[in-house]
Amino acid sequence: MKNVTHSFVFFGHWPSAASFGFNTDILATNLINLSIVIGVLIFFGKGVLTDLLDNRKQRILSTIQNSEELRRGTFEQLEKAQAQLRKVELEADEYRTNGYSEIELDKEKLINATYPSFENLEKLKNETLHFQQQRAMHQVRQRVFQQALQEALVTLNNCLNTELHFRTIRANICILEAMEKR
């Protein structure tokens, strides 16, 4: 510190104070040089630094404005997309409803178209069942008649003797002759 004050004190006593020279005292020259450089920087650099900061501020503001515009545009696109999604969902529900109603109509038409065929098949089935029942009853009657006839013949053959047999034949012949005369 002594050197710093010593250099200032001798500054006024130098014989060539008005001349330019080289000072080898590092501490004294650094403080003077730093204060001069800082002063020059503040004086001349203030405008440059202010311009740089203003430019930086303008770029930041324009970036923020662009971001806000993009955000607004994005929200508008989102709202449009949501509206279109709602519209598509409504159309899908309408198609689904119409599709189900068309399916029901087609089903009903198919049922109505096949119902007469079904009725005809049912009628044919009932007629076939009735015919088969009649046929089965006729066959049963024939078998019962045949069995009864066979049993009657067996019984007659066992019970008839020759004389009874001749009387029966004569009675039947008389019946047949009476029938012929009529």
N, C-alpha and C. Protein backbone atom coordinates (compact mmCIF):
# COMPACT_ATOMS: atom_id res chain seq x y z
N MET A 1 0.83 -1.18 0.00
CA MET A 1 0.00 0.00 0.00
C MET A 1 0.87 1.25 0.00
N LYS A 2 1.98 1.10 0.57
CA LYS A 2 2.91 2.21 0.62
C LYS A 2 3.34 2.61 -0.78
N ASN A 3 3.53 1.66 -1.66
CA ASN A 3 3.92 1.93 -3.03
C ASN A 3 2.82 2.68 -3.78
N VAL A 4 1.57 2.35 -3.48
CA VAL A 4 0.46 2.99 -4.18
C VAL A 4 0.42 4.46 -3.81
N THR A 5 0.46 4.77 -2.55
CA THR A 5 0.44 6.16 -2.15
C THR A 5 1.71 6.87 -2.58
N HIS A 6 2.80 6.16 -2.56
CA HIS A 6 4.08 6.74 -2.95
C HIS A 6 4.05 7.14 -4.43
N SER A 7 3.42 6.31 -5.28
CA SER A 7 3.39 6.63 -6.70
C SER A 7 2.48 7.82 -6.97
N PHE A 8 1.39 7.98 -6.18
CA PHE A 8 0.53 9.14 -6.37
C PHE A 8 1.20 10.43 -5.88
N VAL A 9 1.94 10.29 -4.85
CA VAL A 9 2.59 11.46 -4.30
C VAL A 9 3.64 11.99 -5.28
N PHE A 10 4.37 11.12 -5.87
CA PHE A 10 5.43 11.55 -6.77
C PHE A 10 4.89 11.93 -8.13
N PHE A 11 3.64 11.65 -8.40
CA PHE A 11 3.05 11.96 -9.71
C PHE A 11 3.09 13.46 -9.96
N GLY A 12 2.81 14.22 -8.97
CA GLY A 12 2.82 15.67 -9.13
C GLY A 12 4.22 16.26 -9.13
N HIS A 13 5.20 15.61 -8.61
CA HIS A 13 6.55 16.13 -8.52
C HIS A 13 7.43 15.70 -9.66
N TRP A 14 6.98 14.97 -10.53
CA TRP A 14 7.81 14.54 -11.64
C TRP A 14 8.10 15.71 -12.56
N PRO A 15 9.27 15.77 -13.03
CA PRO A 15 9.59 16.89 -13.88
C PRO A 15 8.88 16.84 -15.22
N SER A 16 8.66 15.66 -15.71
CA SER A 16 7.98 15.56 -17.00
C SER A 16 6.55 15.02 -16.78
N ALA A 17 5.79 15.70 -15.98
CA ALA A 17 4.44 15.25 -15.64
C ALA A 17 3.52 15.35 -16.83
N ALA A 18 3.82 16.25 -17.73
CA ALA A 18 2.96 16.41 -18.89
C ALA A 18 3.35 15.46 -20.01
N SER A 19 4.41 14.77 -19.86
CA SER A 19 4.84 13.87 -20.92
C SER A 19 4.33 12.46 -20.67
N PHE A 20 4.44 11.66 -21.69
CA PHE A 20 3.96 10.28 -21.61
C PHE A 20 5.16 9.42 -21.34
N GLY A 21 4.96 8.46 -20.37
CA GLY A 21 6.08 7.58 -20.03
C GLY A 21 5.59 6.22 -19.62
N PHE A 22 6.54 5.37 -19.33
CA PHE A 22 6.24 4.00 -18.96
C PHE A 22 6.50 3.85 -17.47
N ASN A 23 5.46 3.47 -16.73
CA ASN A 23 5.56 3.29 -15.29
C ASN A 23 5.70 1.80 -15.02
N THR A 24 6.71 1.43 -14.28
CA THR A 24 6.98 0.02 -14.02
C THR A 24 6.35 -0.47 -12.72
N ASP A 25 5.73 0.40 -11.96
CA ASP A 25 5.10 0.00 -10.71
C ASP A 25 3.75 -0.68 -11.03
N ILE A 26 3.67 -2.00 -10.78
CA ILE A 26 2.53 -2.80 -11.21
C ILE A 26 1.26 -2.41 -10.47
N LEU A 27 1.32 -2.25 -9.19
CA LEU A 27 0.12 -1.93 -8.43
C LEU A 27 -0.45 -0.59 -8.83
N ALA A 28 0.34 0.39 -9.01
CA ALA A 28 -0.14 1.71 -9.37
C ALA A 28 -0.71 1.71 -10.77
N THR A 29 -0.05 1.08 -11.68
CA THR A 29 -0.52 1.09 -13.06
C THR A 29 -1.78 0.26 -13.24
N ASN A 30 -1.91 -0.82 -12.53
CA ASN A 30 -3.10 -1.66 -12.65
C ASN A 30 -4.34 -0.92 -12.19
N LEU A 31 -4.29 -0.26 -11.08
CA LEU A 31 -5.45 0.47 -10.59
C LEU A 31 -5.83 1.59 -11.54
N ILE A 32 -4.83 2.27 -12.01
CA ILE A 32 -5.11 3.38 -12.93
C ILE A 32 -5.65 2.81 -14.24
N ASN A 33 -4.99 1.78 -14.77
CA ASN A 33 -5.43 1.18 -16.03
C ASN A 33 -6.83 0.58 -15.91
N LEU A 34 -7.07 -0.11 -14.80
CA LEU A 34 -8.40 -0.70 -14.59
C LEU A 34 -9.46 0.37 -14.49
N SER A 35 -9.18 1.43 -13.76
CA SER A 35 -10.18 2.49 -13.63
C SER A 35 -10.40 3.18 -14.97
N ILE A 36 -9.35 3.34 -15.78
CA ILE A 36 -9.51 3.95 -17.10
C ILE A 36 -10.31 3.01 -18.01
N VAL A 37 -9.95 1.73 -18.01
CA VAL A 37 -10.62 0.76 -18.87
C VAL A 37 -12.09 0.64 -18.47
N ILE A 38 -12.33 0.59 -17.18
CA ILE A 38 -13.72 0.49 -16.72
C ILE A 38 -14.49 1.75 -17.09
N GLY A 39 -13.89 2.89 -16.92
CA GLY A 39 -14.54 4.14 -17.30
C GLY A 39 -14.83 4.20 -18.78
N VAL A 40 -13.85 3.80 -19.62
CA VAL A 40 -14.04 3.80 -21.06
C VAL A 40 -15.13 2.79 -21.44
N LEU A 41 -15.09 1.62 -20.82
CA LEU A 41 -16.10 0.60 -21.10
C LEU A 41 -17.49 1.09 -20.70
N ILE A 42 -17.56 1.74 -19.55
CA ILE A 42 -18.87 2.22 -19.12
C ILE A 42 -19.33 3.34 -20.06
N PHE A 43 -18.45 4.22 -20.44
CA PHE A 43 -18.83 5.35 -21.27
C PHE A 43 -19.20 4.89 -22.69
N PHE A 44 -18.31 4.14 -23.32
CA PHE A 44 -18.55 3.72 -24.70
C PHE A 44 -19.35 2.40 -24.79
N GLY A 45 -19.13 1.52 -23.85
CA GLY A 45 -19.77 0.21 -23.90
C GLY A 45 -21.21 0.22 -23.43
N LYS A 46 -21.58 1.32 -22.75
CA LYS A 46 -22.94 1.39 -22.24
C LYS A 46 -23.95 1.33 -23.38
N GLY A 47 -23.72 2.03 -24.43
CA GLY A 47 -24.63 2.03 -25.58
C GLY A 47 -24.64 0.67 -26.28
N VAL A 48 -23.47 0.08 -26.45
CA VAL A 48 -23.37 -1.22 -27.12
C VAL A 48 -24.07 -2.28 -26.27
N LEU A 49 -23.77 -2.26 -24.97
CA LEU A 49 -24.38 -3.22 -24.06
C LEU A 49 -25.90 -3.03 -24.00
N THR A 50 -26.34 -1.77 -23.98
CA THR A 50 -27.77 -1.48 -23.98
C THR A 50 -28.41 -1.99 -25.27
N ASP A 51 -27.74 -1.76 -26.42
CA ASP A 51 -28.25 -2.26 -27.70
C ASP A 51 -28.33 -3.79 -27.70
N LEU A 52 -27.28 -4.43 -27.22
CA LEU A 52 -27.28 -5.89 -27.16
C LEU A 52 -28.41 -6.40 -26.27
N LEU A 53 -28.58 -5.79 -25.11
CA LEU A 53 -29.64 -6.20 -24.20
C LEU A 53 -31.02 -5.93 -24.79
N ASP A 54 -31.16 -4.77 -25.47
CA ASP A 54 -32.44 -4.46 -26.12
C ASP A 54 -32.75 -5.47 -27.23
N ASN A 55 -31.72 -5.80 -28.03
CA ASN A 55 -31.92 -6.80 -29.09
C ASN A 55 -32.30 -8.16 -28.49
N ARG A 56 -31.60 -8.52 -27.44
CA ARG A 56 -31.90 -9.79 -26.76
C ARG A 56 -33.33 -9.75 -26.21
N LYS A 57 -33.70 -8.61 -25.61
CA LYS A 57 -35.05 -8.46 -25.06
C LYS A 57 -36.10 -8.57 -26.16
N GLN A 58 -35.84 -7.95 -27.33
CA GLN A 58 -36.77 -8.00 -28.45
C GLN A 58 -36.91 -9.44 -28.98
N ARG A 59 -35.79 -10.15 -29.07
CA ARG A 59 -35.84 -11.54 -29.53
C ARG A 59 -36.63 -12.41 -28.55
N ILE A 60 -36.41 -12.20 -27.27
CA ILE A 60 -37.15 -12.96 -26.26
C ILE A 60 -38.63 -12.64 -26.35
N LEU A 61 -38.98 -11.35 -26.48
CA LEU A 61 -40.39 -10.96 -26.60
C LEU A 61 -41.03 -11.54 -27.86
N SER A 62 -40.29 -11.48 -28.97
CA SER A 62 -40.86 -12.04 -30.21
C SER A 62 -41.01 -13.56 -30.10
N THR A 63 -40.07 -14.22 -29.44
CA THR A 63 -40.19 -15.67 -29.22
C THR A 63 -41.40 -15.98 -28.35
N ILE A 64 -41.61 -15.17 -27.31
CA ILE A 64 -42.77 -15.37 -26.44
C ILE A 64 -44.06 -15.14 -27.22
N GLN A 65 -44.09 -14.09 -28.05
CA GLN A 65 -45.29 -13.82 -28.85
C GLN A 65 -45.56 -14.95 -29.85
N ASN A 66 -44.49 -15.43 -30.49
CA ASN A 66 -44.65 -16.55 -31.41
C ASN A 66 -45.17 -17.79 -30.68
N SER A 67 -44.62 -18.02 -29.49
CA SER A 67 -45.08 -19.16 -28.69
C SER A 67 -46.54 -19.01 -28.32
N GLU A 68 -46.95 -17.79 -27.95
CA GLU A 68 -48.36 -17.55 -27.61
C GLU A 68 -49.25 -17.78 -28.83
N GLU A 69 -48.81 -17.29 -29.99
CA GLU A 69 -49.60 -17.50 -31.21
C GLU A 69 -49.69 -18.99 -31.56
N LEU A 70 -48.57 -19.69 -31.42
CA LEU A 70 -48.59 -21.13 -31.66
C LEU A 70 -49.50 -21.84 -30.67
N ARG A 71 -49.46 -21.41 -29.41
CA ARG A 71 -50.31 -22.01 -28.38
C ARG A 71 -51.78 -21.77 -28.72
N ARG A 72 -52.11 -20.53 -29.11
CA ARG A 72 -53.49 -20.23 -29.50
C ARG A 72 -53.91 -21.06 -30.71
N GLY A 73 -53.01 -21.12 -31.70
CA GLY A 73 -53.32 -21.93 -32.89
C GLY A 73 -53.49 -23.40 -32.54
N THR A 74 -52.66 -23.88 -31.63
CA THR A 74 -52.77 -25.27 -31.20
C THR A 74 -54.09 -25.51 -30.48
N PHE A 75 -54.49 -24.58 -29.62
CA PHE A 75 -55.77 -24.72 -28.91
C PHE A 75 -56.93 -24.68 -29.91
N GLU A 76 -56.83 -23.80 -30.92
CA GLU A 76 -57.88 -23.75 -31.93
C GLU A 76 -57.97 -25.08 -32.69
N GLN A 77 -56.79 -25.62 -33.06
CA GLN A 77 -56.78 -26.91 -33.75
C GLN A 77 -57.33 -28.01 -32.85
N LEU A 78 -57.00 -27.95 -31.57
CA LEU A 78 -57.51 -28.94 -30.62
C LEU A 78 -59.03 -28.85 -30.52
N GLU A 79 -59.56 -27.62 -30.44
CA GLU A 79 -61.02 -27.43 -30.35
C GLU A 79 -61.69 -27.94 -31.64
N LYS A 80 -61.07 -27.64 -32.80
CA LYS A 80 -61.62 -28.13 -34.06
C LYS A 80 -61.60 -29.66 -34.09
N ALA A 81 -60.49 -30.24 -33.65
CA ALA A 81 -60.37 -31.70 -33.65
C ALA A 81 -61.39 -32.32 -32.70
N GLN A 82 -61.60 -31.69 -31.53
CA GLN A 82 -62.59 -32.21 -30.59
C GLN A 82 -64.00 -32.09 -31.16
N ALA A 83 -64.28 -30.98 -31.84
CA ALA A 83 -65.60 -30.81 -32.46
C ALA A 83 -65.80 -31.87 -33.55
N GLN A 84 -64.77 -32.10 -34.34
CA GLN A 84 -64.87 -33.10 -35.40
C GLN A 84 -65.02 -34.49 -34.79
N LEU A 85 -64.32 -34.76 -33.69
CA LEU A 85 -64.46 -36.04 -33.00
C LEU A 85 -65.88 -36.25 -32.50
N ARG A 86 -66.46 -35.19 -31.91
CA ARG A 86 -67.85 -35.29 -31.45
C ARG A 86 -68.79 -35.57 -32.63
N LYS A 87 -68.54 -34.89 -33.74
CA LYS A 87 -69.37 -35.07 -34.94
C LYS A 87 -69.25 -36.51 -35.44
N VAL A 88 -68.03 -37.02 -35.50
CA VAL A 88 -67.81 -38.39 -35.97
C VAL A 88 -68.45 -39.39 -35.01
N GLU A 89 -68.37 -39.14 -33.70
CA GLU A 89 -69.00 -40.03 -32.73
C GLU A 89 -70.51 -40.03 -32.91
N LEU A 90 -71.10 -38.85 -33.15
CA LEU A 90 -72.54 -38.78 -33.39
C LEU A 90 -72.92 -39.55 -34.65
N GLU A 91 -72.13 -39.38 -35.71
CA GLU A 91 -72.40 -40.11 -36.95
C GLU A 91 -72.26 -41.61 -36.73
N ALA A 92 -71.25 -42.00 -35.96
CA ALA A 92 -71.06 -43.43 -35.68
C ALA A 92 -72.25 -43.98 -34.89
N ASP A 93 -72.72 -43.22 -33.91
CA ASP A 93 -73.91 -43.65 -33.15
C ASP A 93 -75.12 -43.75 -34.08
N GLU A 94 -75.24 -42.78 -34.99
CA GLU A 94 -76.37 -42.80 -35.93
C GLU A 94 -76.28 -44.02 -36.85
N TYR A 95 -75.07 -44.28 -37.38
CA TYR A 95 -74.89 -45.45 -38.23
C TYR A 95 -75.17 -46.73 -37.45
N ARG A 96 -74.68 -46.76 -36.21
CA ARG A 96 -74.90 -47.94 -35.38
C ARG A 96 -76.39 -48.15 -35.16
N THR A 97 -77.11 -47.07 -34.83
CA THR A 97 -78.55 -47.16 -34.60
C THR A 97 -79.27 -47.56 -35.87
N ASN A 98 -78.93 -46.88 -36.97
CA ASN A 98 -79.56 -47.23 -38.26
C ASN A 98 -79.22 -48.65 -38.67
N GLY A 99 -77.98 -49.04 -38.43
CA GLY A 99 -77.57 -50.40 -38.79
C GLY A 99 -78.36 -51.43 -38.00
N TYR A 100 -78.53 -51.18 -36.70
CA TYR A 100 -79.30 -52.12 -35.88
C TYR A 100 -80.76 -52.15 -36.33
N SER A 101 -81.31 -50.98 -36.64
CA SER A 101 -82.71 -50.96 -37.07
C SER A 101 -82.84 -51.64 -38.44
N GLU A 102 -81.87 -51.47 -39.33
CA GLU A 102 -81.92 -52.15 -40.62
C GLU A 102 -81.78 -53.66 -40.43
N ILE A 103 -80.95 -54.06 -39.51
CA ILE A 103 -80.80 -55.48 -39.23
C ILE A 103 -82.11 -56.05 -38.71
N GLU A 104 -82.74 -55.31 -37.80
CA GLU A 104 -84.03 -55.76 -37.26
C GLU A 104 -85.09 -55.83 -38.36
N LEU A 105 -85.10 -54.83 -39.27
CA LEU A 105 -86.05 -54.86 -40.39
C LEU A 105 -85.79 -56.06 -41.30
N ASP A 106 -84.51 -56.30 -41.61
CA ASP A 106 -84.16 -57.45 -42.45
C ASP A 106 -84.56 -58.75 -41.77
N LYS A 107 -84.33 -58.81 -40.47
CA LYS A 107 -84.69 -60.00 -39.71
C LYS A 107 -86.20 -60.23 -39.77
N GLU A 108 -86.95 -59.15 -39.57
CA GLU A 108 -88.41 -59.24 -39.61
C GLU A 108 -88.89 -59.66 -41.00
N LYS A 109 -88.28 -59.07 -42.05
CA LYS A 109 -88.65 -59.44 -43.42
C LYS A 109 -88.36 -60.92 -43.67
N LEU A 110 -87.22 -61.37 -43.20
CA LEU A 110 -86.85 -62.77 -43.38
C LEU A 110 -87.82 -63.69 -42.64
N ILE A 111 -88.18 -63.30 -41.44
CA ILE A 111 -89.15 -64.09 -40.68
C ILE A 111 -90.49 -64.10 -41.40
N ASN A 112 -90.93 -62.94 -41.85
CA ASN A 112 -92.21 -62.86 -42.58
C ASN A 112 -92.16 -63.65 -43.88
N ALA A 113 -91.01 -63.66 -44.54
CA ALA A 113 -90.90 -64.39 -45.80
C ALA A 113 -90.86 -65.90 -45.56
N THR A 114 -90.26 -66.33 -44.47
CA THR A 114 -90.16 -67.76 -44.21
C THR A 114 -91.35 -68.31 -43.44
N TYR A 115 -92.17 -67.46 -42.87
CA TYR A 115 -93.31 -67.93 -42.09
C TYR A 115 -94.30 -68.73 -42.94
N PRO A 116 -94.66 -68.27 -44.15
CA PRO A 116 -95.56 -69.12 -44.97
C PRO A 116 -94.93 -70.47 -45.30
N SER A 117 -93.64 -70.48 -45.58
CA SER A 117 -92.97 -71.75 -45.85
C SER A 117 -93.02 -72.64 -44.62
N PHE A 118 -92.83 -72.04 -43.48
CA PHE A 118 -92.89 -72.78 -42.23
C PHE A 118 -94.30 -73.34 -42.02
N GLU A 119 -95.30 -72.52 -42.29
CA GLU A 119 -96.68 -72.98 -42.14
C GLU A 119 -96.96 -74.14 -43.10
N ASN A 120 -96.48 -74.02 -44.35
CA ASN A 120 -96.67 -75.10 -45.32
C ASN A 120 -95.98 -76.37 -44.85
N LEU A 121 -94.77 -76.24 -44.34
CA LEU A 121 -94.05 -77.41 -43.84
C LEU A 121 -94.79 -78.02 -42.66
N GLU A 122 -95.29 -77.18 -41.78
CA GLU A 122 -96.05 -77.67 -40.62
C GLU A 122 -97.32 -78.41 -41.09
N LYS A 123 -98.00 -77.85 -42.10
CA LYS A 123 -99.20 -78.48 -42.64
C LYS A 123 -98.86 -79.82 -43.28
N LEU A 124 -97.76 -79.85 -44.07
CA LEU A 124 -97.33 -81.10 -44.69
C LEU A 124 -96.94 -82.13 -43.63
N LYS A 125 -96.29 -81.66 -42.59
CA LYS A 125 -95.91 -82.57 -41.51
C LYS A 125 -97.14 -83.18 -40.87
N ASN A 126 -98.14 -82.33 -40.57
CA ASN A 126 -99.37 -82.82 -39.94
C ASN A 126 -100.11 -83.79 -40.87
N GLU A 127 -100.16 -83.46 -42.17
CA GLU A 127 -100.82 -84.36 -43.12
C GLU A 127 -100.08 -85.69 -43.21
N THR A 128 -98.75 -85.63 -43.22
CA THR A 128 -97.96 -86.85 -43.28
C THR A 128 -98.19 -87.68 -42.02
N LEU A 129 -98.22 -87.02 -40.87
CA LEU A 129 -98.48 -87.75 -39.62
C LEU A 129 -99.87 -88.40 -39.66
N HIS A 130 -100.87 -87.67 -40.13
CA HIS A 130 -102.23 -88.21 -40.21
C HIS A 130 -102.28 -89.40 -41.17
N PHE A 131 -101.60 -89.24 -42.34
CA PHE A 131 -101.57 -90.32 -43.32
C PHE A 131 -100.89 -91.56 -42.72
N GLN A 132 -99.77 -91.33 -42.03
CA GLN A 132 -99.05 -92.46 -41.43
C GLN A 132 -99.88 -93.12 -40.35
N GLN A 133 -100.62 -92.30 -39.57
CA GLN A 133 -101.49 -92.87 -38.54
C GLN A 133 -102.59 -93.72 -39.20
N GLN A 134 -103.20 -93.20 -40.26
CA GLN A 134 -104.25 -93.94 -40.96
C GLN A 134 -103.71 -95.25 -41.53
N ARG A 135 -102.53 -95.17 -42.11
CA ARG A 135 -101.90 -96.35 -42.69
C ARG A 135 -101.60 -97.39 -41.61
N ALA A 136 -101.03 -96.87 -40.49
CA ALA A 136 -100.71 -97.79 -39.39
C ALA A 136 -101.99 -98.43 -38.85
N MET A 137 -103.06 -97.65 -38.69
CA MET A 137 -104.33 -98.19 -38.19
C MET A 137 -104.88 -99.23 -39.18
N HIS A 138 -104.78 -98.93 -40.48
CA HIS A 138 -105.27 -99.86 -41.50
C HIS A 138 -104.48 -101.17 -41.43
N GLN A 139 -103.15 -101.07 -41.28
CA GLN A 139 -102.32 -102.26 -41.18
C GLN A 139 -102.67 -103.06 -39.93
N VAL A 140 -102.90 -102.35 -38.81
CA VAL A 140 -103.26 -103.04 -37.57
C VAL A 140 -104.60 -103.74 -37.74
N ARG A 141 -105.55 -103.07 -38.35
CA ARG A 141 -106.86 -103.68 -38.58
C ARG A 141 -106.73 -104.94 -39.43
N GLN A 142 -105.92 -104.84 -40.51
CA GLN A 142 -105.74 -106.00 -41.38
C GLN A 142 -105.13 -107.16 -40.62
N ARG A 143 -104.12 -106.88 -39.81
CA ARG A 143 -103.47 -107.95 -39.06
C ARG A 143 -104.44 -108.56 -38.05
N VAL A 144 -105.19 -107.65 -37.35
CA VAL A 144 -106.16 -108.16 -36.37
C VAL A 144 -107.20 -109.02 -37.08
N PHE A 145 -107.67 -108.55 -38.24
CA PHE A 145 -108.68 -109.30 -39.00
C PHE A 145 -108.10 -110.63 -39.45
N GLN A 146 -106.86 -110.63 -39.95
CA GLN A 146 -106.23 -111.86 -40.41
C GLN A 146 -106.06 -112.83 -39.25
N GLN A 147 -105.59 -112.28 -38.10
CA GLN A 147 -105.40 -113.17 -36.95
C GLN A 147 -106.75 -113.72 -36.47
N ALA A 148 -107.76 -112.83 -36.43
CA ALA A 148 -109.08 -113.30 -36.00
C ALA A 148 -109.62 -114.36 -36.95
N LEU A 149 -109.42 -114.16 -38.24
CA LEU A 149 -109.88 -115.11 -39.25
C LEU A 149 -109.16 -116.45 -39.10
N GLN A 150 -107.85 -116.37 -38.90
CA GLN A 150 -107.08 -117.60 -38.73
C GLN A 150 -107.53 -118.35 -37.48
N GLU A 151 -107.74 -117.58 -36.38
CA GLU A 151 -108.19 -118.23 -35.16
C GLU A 151 -109.59 -118.82 -35.35
N ALA A 152 -110.45 -118.10 -36.06
CA ALA A 152 -111.79 -118.62 -36.31
C ALA A 152 -111.72 -119.89 -37.15
N LEU A 153 -110.85 -119.91 -38.16
CA LEU A 153 -110.69 -121.11 -38.98
C LEU A 153 -110.16 -122.28 -38.16
N VAL A 154 -109.21 -121.97 -37.32
CA VAL A 154 -108.65 -123.03 -36.49
C VAL A 154 -109.74 -123.56 -35.56
N THR A 155 -110.50 -122.62 -34.95
CA THR A 155 -111.57 -123.02 -34.04
C THR A 155 -112.63 -123.83 -34.80
N LEU A 156 -113.01 -123.34 -35.97
CA LEU A 156 -114.01 -124.05 -36.77
C LEU A 156 -113.52 -125.44 -37.18
N ASN A 157 -112.28 -125.48 -37.59
CA ASN A 157 -111.74 -126.78 -38.01
C ASN A 157 -111.69 -127.74 -36.82
N ASN A 158 -111.42 -127.22 -35.67
CA ASN A 158 -111.36 -128.08 -34.49
C ASN A 158 -112.77 -128.48 -34.03
N CYS A 159 -113.72 -127.61 -34.18
CA CYS A 159 -115.07 -127.85 -33.68
C CYS A 159 -115.98 -128.55 -34.69
N LEU A 160 -115.74 -128.40 -35.90
CA LEU A 160 -116.64 -128.94 -36.91
C LEU A 160 -116.34 -130.43 -37.16
N ASN A 161 -117.39 -131.08 -37.22
CA ASN A 161 -117.23 -132.45 -37.69
C ASN A 161 -117.73 -132.48 -39.12
N THR A 162 -117.80 -133.58 -39.70
CA THR A 162 -118.11 -133.64 -41.11
C THR A 162 -119.57 -133.29 -41.36
N GLU A 163 -120.44 -133.75 -40.54
CA GLU A 163 -121.85 -133.48 -40.76
C GLU A 163 -122.13 -132.00 -40.57
N LEU A 164 -121.58 -131.40 -39.55
CA LEU A 164 -121.78 -129.97 -39.31
C LEU A 164 -121.18 -129.17 -40.46
N HIS A 165 -120.14 -129.67 -40.95
CA HIS A 165 -119.45 -129.01 -42.06
C HIS A 165 -120.35 -129.03 -43.30
N PHE A 166 -121.00 -130.14 -43.59
CA PHE A 166 -121.87 -130.23 -44.75
C PHE A 166 -123.10 -129.36 -44.56
N ARG A 167 -123.64 -129.30 -43.38
CA ARG A 167 -124.80 -128.46 -43.12
C ARG A 167 -124.46 -126.99 -43.35
N THR A 168 -123.30 -126.57 -42.90
CA THR A 168 -122.87 -125.18 -43.07
C THR A 168 -122.72 -124.87 -44.54
N ILE A 169 -122.16 -125.79 -45.28
CA ILE A 169 -121.97 -125.56 -46.71
C ILE A 169 -123.32 -125.46 -47.39
N ARG A 170 -124.30 -126.32 -47.04
CA ARG A 170 -125.62 -126.28 -47.64
C ARG A 170 -126.34 -124.98 -47.30
N ALA A 171 -126.15 -124.51 -46.07
CA ALA A 171 -126.80 -123.26 -45.65
C ALA A 171 -126.23 -122.10 -46.44
N ASN A 172 -124.98 -122.11 -46.66
CA ASN A 172 -124.34 -121.03 -47.42
C ASN A 172 -124.76 -121.09 -48.89
N ILE A 173 -124.93 -122.28 -49.41
CA ILE A 173 -125.36 -122.43 -50.80
C ILE A 173 -126.77 -121.89 -50.93
N CYS A 174 -127.61 -122.17 -49.97
CA CYS A 174 -128.98 -121.67 -50.01
C CYS A 174 -128.99 -120.14 -49.95
N ILE A 175 -128.16 -119.61 -49.14
CA ILE A 175 -128.08 -118.13 -49.03
C ILE A 175 -127.64 -117.55 -50.37
N LEU A 176 -126.68 -118.17 -51.00
CA LEU A 176 -126.19 -117.68 -52.28
C LEU A 176 -127.24 -117.81 -53.36
N GLU A 177 -128.04 -118.88 -53.35
CA GLU A 177 -129.10 -119.04 -54.35
C GLU A 177 -130.17 -118.01 -54.13
N ALA A 178 -130.44 -117.70 -52.91
CA ALA A 178 -131.45 -116.68 -52.62
C ALA A 178 -130.97 -115.33 -53.09
N MET A 179 -129.76 -115.12 -52.98
CA MET A 179 -129.21 -113.84 -53.42
C MET A 179 -129.23 -113.73 -54.94
N GLU A 180 -129.07 -114.84 -55.63
CA GLU A 180 -129.07 -114.82 -57.07
C GLU A 180 -130.48 -114.57 -57.60
N LYS A 181 -131.43 -115.01 -56.93
CA LYS A 181 -132.80 -114.86 -57.38
C LYS A 181 -133.25 -113.41 -57.21
N ARG A 182 -132.77 -112.78 -56.48
CA ARG A 182 -133.23 -111.40 -56.28
C ARG A 182 -132.85 -110.54 -57.37
